[in-house]
Amino acid sequence: MPFVLDVFHDQPFEMRILKNDLEIIAINPLGHDALSDVLYSAHVALVRLEPFTGDFTAELMFDIVETTPDGSRYIDNGLETKSFLSDQDRRITLSVVCEMTAHIVKQQDPHVIVMTTSQTNLPDKALSKYQYLCDAIRSVGYVGGESNTYEGRHIWMFVKSNDVS
């Protein structure tokens, strides 16, 4: 399957934003399969965890969506993206996801952000992408980082820096 990346590290990209009181989702086309009708896009979402009371806490989630004429498949496992993303494409995709993350965090402005790995017992190499996401979150005024693990899942927590005493 010959994947063609449609975003480049040195060019601006345009993301679509879907937003309501409970969530914000950023969608950015990444590329396509040159021989089929398969499209790939990055999705980043902040979903409010307790919608009606207390501080605004949101969970950050991200994935790659593979869209075919028959439907969509949500890919949240880096091993699955190796079948179509080269190392260079993976670096650019991570950069796009980090920019999308910073944008929606700044726009939605939650007090607390939680991020959890979707797979358990990830190796250090797989966890390294989360450090880039942490940097993106910190770049828009949050403090925090990895807090602990639970049943093999890593958990990060961030608080708006002006909320910290």
N, C-alpha and C. Protein backbone atom coordinates (compact mmCIF):
# COMPACT_ATOMS: atom_id res chain seq x y z
N MET A 1 0.85 -1.16 0.00
CA MET A 1 0.00 0.00 0.00
C MET A 1 0.90 1.24 0.00
N PRO A 2 0.98 1.99 -1.08
CA PRO A 2 1.86 3.16 -1.16
C PRO A 2 1.22 4.41 -0.55
N PHE A 3 1.59 4.70 0.70
CA PHE A 3 1.09 5.87 1.41
C PHE A 3 1.77 7.12 0.90
N VAL A 4 0.99 8.18 0.70
CA VAL A 4 1.51 9.49 0.30
C VAL A 4 1.13 10.49 1.38
N LEU A 5 2.13 11.09 2.03
CA LEU A 5 1.89 12.09 3.05
C LEU A 5 1.46 13.39 2.38
N ASP A 6 0.38 13.98 2.87
CA ASP A 6 -0.15 15.22 2.29
C ASP A 6 0.13 16.45 3.14
N VAL A 7 0.87 16.29 4.25
CA VAL A 7 1.31 17.43 5.06
C VAL A 7 2.83 17.39 5.12
N PHE A 8 3.41 18.54 5.32
CA PHE A 8 4.87 18.63 5.33
C PHE A 8 5.30 19.49 6.51
N HIS A 9 6.45 19.15 7.10
CA HIS A 9 6.91 19.81 8.32
C HIS A 9 7.15 21.30 8.14
N ASP A 10 7.40 21.75 6.92
CA ASP A 10 7.74 23.16 6.70
C ASP A 10 6.59 23.96 6.08
N GLN A 11 5.39 23.41 6.05
CA GLN A 11 4.24 24.10 5.48
C GLN A 11 3.09 24.11 6.48
N PRO A 12 2.32 25.19 6.50
CA PRO A 12 1.17 25.22 7.41
C PRO A 12 0.12 24.19 6.98
N PHE A 13 -0.67 23.76 7.94
CA PHE A 13 -1.76 22.85 7.62
C PHE A 13 -3.03 23.42 8.23
N GLU A 14 -4.15 22.95 7.73
CA GLU A 14 -5.43 23.48 8.18
C GLU A 14 -6.23 22.36 8.82
N MET A 15 -6.51 22.52 10.10
CA MET A 15 -7.29 21.51 10.79
C MET A 15 -8.74 21.96 10.91
N ARG A 16 -9.62 20.98 10.94
CA ARG A 16 -11.04 21.26 11.18
C ARG A 16 -11.30 21.05 12.66
N ILE A 17 -12.11 21.92 13.24
CA ILE A 17 -12.44 21.85 14.66
C ILE A 17 -13.94 21.62 14.81
N LEU A 18 -14.28 20.62 15.60
CA LEU A 18 -15.67 20.37 15.99
C LEU A 18 -15.72 20.57 17.50
N LYS A 19 -16.70 21.37 17.99
CA LYS A 19 -16.66 21.75 19.39
C LYS A 19 -18.08 21.91 19.93
N ASN A 20 -18.25 21.48 21.19
CA ASN A 20 -19.46 21.81 21.95
C ASN A 20 -19.03 22.00 23.40
N ASP A 21 -19.97 22.05 24.32
CA ASP A 21 -19.62 22.30 25.73
C ASP A 21 -18.86 21.13 26.37
N LEU A 22 -18.97 19.94 25.81
CA LEU A 22 -18.37 18.77 26.43
C LEU A 22 -17.08 18.30 25.78
N GLU A 23 -16.86 18.66 24.52
CA GLU A 23 -15.66 18.17 23.86
C GLU A 23 -15.25 19.06 22.71
N ILE A 24 -14.01 18.90 22.34
CA ILE A 24 -13.47 19.55 21.16
C ILE A 24 -12.66 18.49 20.42
N ILE A 25 -12.84 18.43 19.12
CA ILE A 25 -12.13 17.46 18.29
C ILE A 25 -11.46 18.21 17.15
N ALA A 26 -10.18 17.96 16.96
CA ALA A 26 -9.45 18.51 15.83
C ALA A 26 -9.17 17.38 14.85
N ILE A 27 -9.40 17.65 13.58
CA ILE A 27 -9.20 16.66 12.53
C ILE A 27 -8.28 17.28 11.48
N ASN A 28 -7.27 16.54 11.10
CA ASN A 28 -6.36 17.02 10.07
C ASN A 28 -6.03 15.89 9.10
N PRO A 29 -6.31 16.08 7.81
CA PRO A 29 -5.91 15.06 6.83
C PRO A 29 -4.39 14.89 6.85
N LEU A 30 -3.96 13.64 6.80
CA LEU A 30 -2.52 13.34 6.80
C LEU A 30 -2.03 12.87 5.44
N GLY A 31 -2.80 11.99 4.81
CA GLY A 31 -2.34 11.43 3.55
C GLY A 31 -3.32 10.44 3.00
N HIS A 32 -2.88 9.74 1.97
CA HIS A 32 -3.76 8.80 1.28
C HIS A 32 -2.93 7.67 0.69
N ASP A 33 -3.62 6.61 0.34
CA ASP A 33 -3.02 5.50 -0.38
C ASP A 33 -3.16 5.83 -1.87
N ALA A 34 -2.04 5.89 -2.57
CA ALA A 34 -2.04 6.32 -3.96
C ALA A 34 -2.75 5.34 -4.90
N LEU A 35 -2.99 4.10 -4.48
CA LEU A 35 -3.60 3.11 -5.35
C LEU A 35 -5.03 2.75 -4.98
N SER A 36 -5.52 3.28 -3.89
CA SER A 36 -6.87 2.92 -3.46
C SER A 36 -7.60 4.16 -2.96
N ASP A 37 -8.80 3.97 -2.49
CA ASP A 37 -9.60 5.07 -1.96
C ASP A 37 -9.46 5.17 -0.44
N VAL A 38 -8.28 4.92 0.08
CA VAL A 38 -8.05 4.98 1.52
C VAL A 38 -7.45 6.34 1.87
N LEU A 39 -8.06 6.97 2.88
CA LEU A 39 -7.58 8.26 3.38
C LEU A 39 -7.17 8.10 4.83
N TYR A 40 -6.19 8.89 5.26
CA TYR A 40 -5.72 8.86 6.63
C TYR A 40 -5.79 10.28 7.20
N SER A 41 -6.26 10.37 8.44
CA SER A 41 -6.30 11.66 9.13
C SER A 41 -5.94 11.48 10.59
N ALA A 42 -5.47 12.57 11.18
CA ALA A 42 -5.17 12.59 12.61
C ALA A 42 -6.36 13.21 13.33
N HIS A 43 -6.75 12.61 14.44
CA HIS A 43 -7.81 13.13 15.30
C HIS A 43 -7.23 13.33 16.69
N VAL A 44 -7.49 14.49 17.27
CA VAL A 44 -7.10 14.78 18.64
C VAL A 44 -8.34 15.34 19.32
N ALA A 45 -8.66 14.83 20.50
CA ALA A 45 -9.87 15.26 21.21
C ALA A 45 -9.58 15.54 22.67
N LEU A 46 -10.29 16.52 23.19
CA LEU A 46 -10.36 16.77 24.63
C LEU A 46 -11.81 16.56 25.02
N VAL A 47 -12.06 15.60 25.89
CA VAL A 47 -13.42 15.26 26.30
C VAL A 47 -13.57 15.58 27.78
N ARG A 48 -14.58 16.34 28.09
CA ARG A 48 -14.82 16.73 29.49
C ARG A 48 -15.19 15.50 30.31
N LEU A 49 -14.53 15.34 31.48
CA LEU A 49 -14.75 14.15 32.29
C LEU A 49 -15.93 14.28 33.24
N GLU A 50 -16.16 15.44 33.80
CA GLU A 50 -17.32 15.63 34.67
C GLU A 50 -18.06 16.85 34.15
N PRO A 51 -19.08 16.63 33.36
CA PRO A 51 -19.65 17.72 32.57
C PRO A 51 -20.43 18.79 33.33
N PHE A 52 -20.81 18.56 34.56
CA PHE A 52 -21.73 19.52 35.15
C PHE A 52 -21.27 20.15 36.45
N THR A 53 -20.24 19.62 37.11
CA THR A 53 -19.81 20.18 38.39
C THR A 53 -18.29 20.19 38.48
N GLY A 54 -17.77 20.98 39.39
CA GLY A 54 -16.35 20.98 39.69
C GLY A 54 -15.51 21.65 38.62
N ASP A 55 -14.18 21.55 38.82
CA ASP A 55 -13.25 22.10 37.84
C ASP A 55 -13.40 21.37 36.52
N PHE A 56 -13.10 22.09 35.47
CA PHE A 56 -13.20 21.53 34.12
C PHE A 56 -11.99 20.63 33.90
N THR A 57 -12.21 19.32 33.98
CA THR A 57 -11.19 18.32 33.74
C THR A 57 -11.49 17.63 32.42
N ALA A 58 -10.47 17.48 31.59
CA ALA A 58 -10.67 16.87 30.27
C ALA A 58 -9.65 15.77 30.05
N GLU A 59 -10.05 14.76 29.31
CA GLU A 59 -9.14 13.71 28.90
C GLU A 59 -8.69 13.96 27.47
N LEU A 60 -7.39 13.88 27.24
CA LEU A 60 -6.82 14.05 25.91
C LEU A 60 -6.71 12.68 25.26
N MET A 61 -7.22 12.56 24.03
CA MET A 61 -7.11 11.32 23.27
C MET A 61 -6.68 11.66 21.84
N PHE A 62 -5.98 10.74 21.21
CA PHE A 62 -5.56 10.97 19.83
C PHE A 62 -5.48 9.63 19.11
N ASP A 63 -5.67 9.68 17.80
CA ASP A 63 -5.53 8.49 16.97
C ASP A 63 -5.40 8.89 15.51
N ILE A 64 -5.11 7.89 14.72
CA ILE A 64 -5.10 8.03 13.27
C ILE A 64 -6.34 7.29 12.77
N VAL A 65 -7.06 7.92 11.85
CA VAL A 65 -8.26 7.29 11.32
C VAL A 65 -8.00 6.91 9.86
N GLU A 66 -8.24 5.64 9.58
CA GLU A 66 -8.13 5.12 8.22
C GLU A 66 -9.56 5.03 7.67
N THR A 67 -9.83 5.77 6.61
CA THR A 67 -11.18 5.80 6.05
C THR A 67 -11.18 5.15 4.67
N THR A 68 -12.04 4.16 4.50
CA THR A 68 -12.20 3.46 3.23
C THR A 68 -13.64 3.61 2.78
N PRO A 69 -13.95 3.23 1.57
CA PRO A 69 -15.36 3.27 1.15
C PRO A 69 -16.27 2.42 2.03
N ASP A 70 -15.70 1.43 2.72
CA ASP A 70 -16.50 0.54 3.57
C ASP A 70 -16.64 1.01 5.02
N GLY A 71 -15.91 2.06 5.42
CA GLY A 71 -16.01 2.53 6.80
C GLY A 71 -14.68 3.07 7.30
N SER A 72 -14.61 3.25 8.61
CA SER A 72 -13.42 3.82 9.24
C SER A 72 -12.85 2.87 10.28
N ARG A 73 -11.53 2.95 10.43
CA ARG A 73 -10.82 2.19 11.45
C ARG A 73 -9.97 3.18 12.24
N TYR A 74 -10.13 3.14 13.57
CA TYR A 74 -9.39 4.05 14.45
C TYR A 74 -8.14 3.34 14.94
N ILE A 75 -6.98 3.94 14.67
CA ILE A 75 -5.70 3.32 14.98
C ILE A 75 -5.04 4.10 16.11
N ASP A 76 -4.90 3.45 17.26
CA ASP A 76 -4.24 4.10 18.40
C ASP A 76 -3.01 3.31 18.84
N ASN A 77 -2.49 2.52 17.94
CA ASN A 77 -1.35 1.67 18.24
C ASN A 77 -0.26 1.94 17.20
N GLY A 78 0.88 2.42 17.68
CA GLY A 78 1.97 2.74 16.77
C GLY A 78 2.45 1.58 15.92
N LEU A 79 2.31 0.35 16.42
CA LEU A 79 2.71 -0.80 15.63
C LEU A 79 1.87 -0.92 14.36
N GLU A 80 0.60 -0.54 14.44
CA GLU A 80 -0.27 -0.62 13.27
C GLU A 80 0.07 0.45 12.23
N THR A 81 0.59 1.60 12.67
CA THR A 81 0.92 2.65 11.70
C THR A 81 2.21 2.35 10.95
N LYS A 82 3.01 1.42 11.48
CA LYS A 82 4.27 1.07 10.79
C LYS A 82 4.02 0.47 9.41
N SER A 83 2.83 -0.06 9.19
CA SER A 83 2.55 -0.68 7.89
C SER A 83 2.39 0.35 6.78
N PHE A 84 2.17 1.63 7.14
CA PHE A 84 2.01 2.62 6.08
C PHE A 84 2.81 3.91 6.30
N LEU A 85 3.25 4.20 7.52
CA LEU A 85 4.03 5.42 7.77
C LEU A 85 5.52 5.10 7.85
N SER A 86 6.31 5.78 7.04
CA SER A 86 7.76 5.66 7.16
C SER A 86 8.21 6.38 8.42
N ASP A 87 9.47 6.22 8.80
CA ASP A 87 9.99 6.92 9.98
C ASP A 87 9.84 8.43 9.83
N GLN A 88 10.13 8.96 8.65
CA GLN A 88 9.99 10.40 8.41
C GLN A 88 8.53 10.82 8.50
N ASP A 89 7.63 10.03 7.91
CA ASP A 89 6.19 10.33 8.00
C ASP A 89 5.71 10.30 9.44
N ARG A 90 6.25 9.39 10.24
CA ARG A 90 5.87 9.28 11.66
C ARG A 90 6.30 10.53 12.42
N ARG A 91 7.49 11.03 12.13
CA ARG A 91 7.96 12.24 12.81
C ARG A 91 7.08 13.44 12.45
N ILE A 92 6.74 13.56 11.20
CA ILE A 92 5.89 14.67 10.76
C ILE A 92 4.49 14.52 11.36
N THR A 93 3.97 13.32 11.37
CA THR A 93 2.65 13.07 11.95
C THR A 93 2.63 13.42 13.43
N LEU A 94 3.66 13.05 14.16
CA LEU A 94 3.74 13.39 15.58
C LEU A 94 3.78 14.90 15.76
N SER A 95 4.52 15.59 14.92
CA SER A 95 4.58 17.05 14.99
C SER A 95 3.19 17.67 14.75
N VAL A 96 2.47 17.14 13.78
CA VAL A 96 1.11 17.62 13.49
C VAL A 96 0.20 17.36 14.69
N VAL A 97 0.26 16.17 15.27
CA VAL A 97 -0.57 15.83 16.42
C VAL A 97 -0.24 16.74 17.60
N CYS A 98 1.03 17.06 17.80
CA CYS A 98 1.41 17.97 18.89
C CYS A 98 0.87 19.37 18.66
N GLU A 99 0.95 19.87 17.43
CA GLU A 99 0.39 21.19 17.12
C GLU A 99 -1.12 21.19 17.32
N MET A 100 -1.78 20.13 16.89
CA MET A 100 -3.23 20.03 17.08
C MET A 100 -3.57 20.02 18.57
N THR A 101 -2.77 19.29 19.35
CA THR A 101 -2.99 19.21 20.79
C THR A 101 -2.88 20.59 21.43
N ALA A 102 -1.81 21.30 21.15
CA ALA A 102 -1.62 22.63 21.73
C ALA A 102 -2.78 23.55 21.34
N HIS A 103 -3.22 23.46 20.11
CA HIS A 103 -4.30 24.33 19.63
C HIS A 103 -5.61 24.07 20.38
N ILE A 104 -6.01 22.81 20.51
CA ILE A 104 -7.30 22.55 21.15
C ILE A 104 -7.23 22.73 22.66
N VAL A 105 -6.08 22.47 23.27
CA VAL A 105 -5.94 22.72 24.71
C VAL A 105 -6.09 24.22 24.98
N LYS A 106 -5.42 25.02 24.18
CA LYS A 106 -5.51 26.47 24.34
C LYS A 106 -6.94 26.96 24.11
N GLN A 107 -7.60 26.41 23.11
CA GLN A 107 -8.96 26.84 22.78
C GLN A 107 -9.98 26.39 23.84
N GLN A 108 -9.88 25.17 24.31
CA GLN A 108 -10.86 24.63 25.26
C GLN A 108 -10.56 25.08 26.69
N ASP A 109 -9.27 25.26 27.02
CA ASP A 109 -8.83 25.84 28.28
C ASP A 109 -9.33 25.10 29.53
N PRO A 110 -9.15 23.77 29.62
CA PRO A 110 -9.58 23.07 30.84
C PRO A 110 -8.65 23.40 32.01
N HIS A 111 -9.12 23.19 33.22
CA HIS A 111 -8.28 23.39 34.41
C HIS A 111 -7.30 22.24 34.55
N VAL A 112 -7.77 21.02 34.26
CA VAL A 112 -6.95 19.81 34.43
C VAL A 112 -7.05 18.98 33.15
N ILE A 113 -5.93 18.38 32.75
CA ILE A 113 -5.90 17.48 31.59
C ILE A 113 -5.33 16.15 32.06
N VAL A 114 -5.98 15.07 31.65
CA VAL A 114 -5.53 13.71 31.93
C VAL A 114 -5.26 13.04 30.58
N MET A 115 -4.17 12.29 30.50
CA MET A 115 -3.85 11.54 29.29
C MET A 115 -3.42 10.14 29.73
N THR A 116 -3.94 9.12 29.08
CA THR A 116 -3.65 7.73 29.43
C THR A 116 -3.30 6.95 28.17
N THR A 117 -2.34 6.06 28.27
CA THR A 117 -2.03 5.20 27.12
C THR A 117 -3.21 4.27 26.85
N SER A 118 -3.46 4.00 25.61
CA SER A 118 -4.56 3.09 25.26
C SER A 118 -4.14 1.63 25.34
N GLN A 119 -2.84 1.36 25.19
CA GLN A 119 -2.33 0.00 25.33
C GLN A 119 -1.58 -0.13 26.65
N THR A 120 -1.49 -1.35 27.13
CA THR A 120 -0.78 -1.60 28.37
C THR A 120 0.67 -1.97 28.11
N ASN A 121 1.51 -1.72 29.10
CA ASN A 121 2.90 -2.16 29.12
C ASN A 121 3.69 -1.77 27.87
N LEU A 122 3.56 -0.52 27.48
CA LEU A 122 4.28 -0.04 26.30
C LEU A 122 5.77 0.05 26.59
N PRO A 123 6.61 -0.26 25.60
CA PRO A 123 8.05 -0.10 25.79
C PRO A 123 8.41 1.39 25.79
N ASP A 124 9.61 1.70 26.28
CA ASP A 124 10.06 3.09 26.37
C ASP A 124 9.98 3.81 25.02
N LYS A 125 10.34 3.13 23.96
CA LYS A 125 10.31 3.77 22.64
C LYS A 125 8.89 4.23 22.29
N ALA A 126 7.90 3.42 22.59
CA ALA A 126 6.51 3.80 22.31
C ALA A 126 6.06 4.94 23.22
N LEU A 127 6.58 4.97 24.44
CA LEU A 127 6.20 6.03 25.39
C LEU A 127 6.83 7.38 25.05
N SER A 128 7.89 7.36 24.24
CA SER A 128 8.60 8.62 23.96
C SER A 128 7.71 9.64 23.25
N LYS A 129 6.75 9.21 22.45
CA LYS A 129 5.87 10.17 21.77
C LYS A 129 5.04 10.96 22.76
N TYR A 130 4.76 10.38 23.90
CA TYR A 130 3.98 11.09 24.91
C TYR A 130 4.75 12.26 25.50
N GLN A 131 6.09 12.18 25.51
CA GLN A 131 6.88 13.31 26.00
C GLN A 131 6.71 14.53 25.09
N TYR A 132 6.58 14.30 23.79
CA TYR A 132 6.33 15.40 22.86
C TYR A 132 4.95 16.01 23.10
N LEU A 133 3.97 15.16 23.37
CA LEU A 133 2.63 15.66 23.69
C LEU A 133 2.65 16.45 25.00
N CYS A 134 3.41 15.96 25.98
CA CYS A 134 3.56 16.69 27.24
C CYS A 134 4.14 18.07 26.99
N ASP A 135 5.17 18.15 26.16
CA ASP A 135 5.78 19.44 25.82
C ASP A 135 4.77 20.37 25.15
N ALA A 136 3.93 19.82 24.29
CA ALA A 136 2.91 20.63 23.62
C ALA A 136 1.91 21.19 24.63
N ILE A 137 1.52 20.37 25.59
CA ILE A 137 0.57 20.82 26.62
C ILE A 137 1.22 21.88 27.51
N ARG A 138 2.47 21.66 27.90
CA ARG A 138 3.17 22.63 28.73
C ARG A 138 3.37 23.96 27.99
N SER A 139 3.53 23.89 26.67
CA SER A 139 3.79 25.11 25.89
C SER A 139 2.62 26.09 25.91
N VAL A 140 1.44 25.63 26.29
CA VAL A 140 0.28 26.52 26.34
C VAL A 140 -0.18 26.77 27.77
N GLY A 141 0.76 26.64 28.74
CA GLY A 141 0.48 27.11 30.08
C GLY A 141 0.07 26.08 31.11
N TYR A 142 0.52 24.84 30.96
CA TYR A 142 0.18 23.80 31.93
C TYR A 142 1.44 23.27 32.57
N VAL A 143 1.30 22.76 33.79
CA VAL A 143 2.41 22.10 34.47
C VAL A 143 1.97 20.68 34.79
N GLY A 144 2.95 19.80 34.90
CA GLY A 144 2.64 18.41 35.24
C GLY A 144 3.35 17.46 34.32
N GLY A 145 2.97 16.20 34.44
CA GLY A 145 3.59 15.16 33.63
C GLY A 145 3.09 13.81 34.07
N GLU A 146 3.93 12.79 33.89
CA GLU A 146 3.49 11.43 34.22
C GLU A 146 3.27 11.32 35.71
N SER A 147 2.10 10.77 36.07
CA SER A 147 1.79 10.67 37.49
C SER A 147 1.98 9.25 38.00
N ASN A 148 1.45 8.26 37.30
CA ASN A 148 1.62 6.88 37.76
C ASN A 148 1.17 5.93 36.65
N THR A 149 1.12 4.66 37.00
CA THR A 149 0.60 3.66 36.09
C THR A 149 -0.52 2.92 36.80
N TYR A 150 -1.41 2.36 35.99
CA TYR A 150 -2.51 1.58 36.54
C TYR A 150 -2.75 0.40 35.60
N GLU A 151 -2.55 -0.80 36.09
CA GLU A 151 -2.72 -2.02 35.30
C GLU A 151 -2.00 -1.93 33.95
N GLY A 152 -0.76 -1.40 33.99
CA GLY A 152 0.07 -1.33 32.80
C GLY A 152 -0.16 -0.12 31.91
N ARG A 153 -1.12 0.72 32.25
CA ARG A 153 -1.36 1.95 31.48
C ARG A 153 -0.68 3.11 32.19
N HIS A 154 -0.02 3.96 31.40
CA HIS A 154 0.63 5.15 31.94
C HIS A 154 -0.37 6.29 31.95
N ILE A 155 -0.28 7.11 32.98
CA ILE A 155 -1.22 8.22 33.16
C ILE A 155 -0.43 9.51 33.37
N TRP A 156 -0.81 10.57 32.67
CA TRP A 156 -0.22 11.89 32.84
C TRP A 156 -1.32 12.84 33.29
N MET A 157 -0.94 13.81 34.13
CA MET A 157 -1.88 14.81 34.59
C MET A 157 -1.22 16.19 34.50
N PHE A 158 -2.03 17.17 34.07
CA PHE A 158 -1.56 18.55 33.94
C PHE A 158 -2.59 19.48 34.54
N VAL A 159 -2.11 20.58 35.10
CA VAL A 159 -2.97 21.62 35.67
C VAL A 159 -2.56 22.94 35.05
N LYS A 160 -3.53 23.80 34.75
CA LYS A 160 -3.21 25.13 34.24
C LYS A 160 -2.26 25.81 35.22
N SER A 161 -1.21 26.38 34.73
CA SER A 161 -0.19 26.94 35.64
C SER A 161 -0.73 28.06 36.50
N ASN A 162 -1.72 28.82 36.04
CA ASN A 162 -2.27 29.89 36.89
C ASN A 162 -3.25 29.32 37.92
N ASP A 163 -3.55 28.00 37.87
CA ASP A 163 -4.40 27.35 38.86
C ASP A 163 -3.57 26.74 39.99
N VAL A 164 -2.24 26.74 39.82
CA VAL A 164 -1.35 26.13 40.80
C VAL A 164 -0.94 27.19 41.81
N SER A 165 -1.05 26.88 43.07
CA SER A 165 -0.65 27.83 44.11
C SER A 165 0.71 27.47 44.67
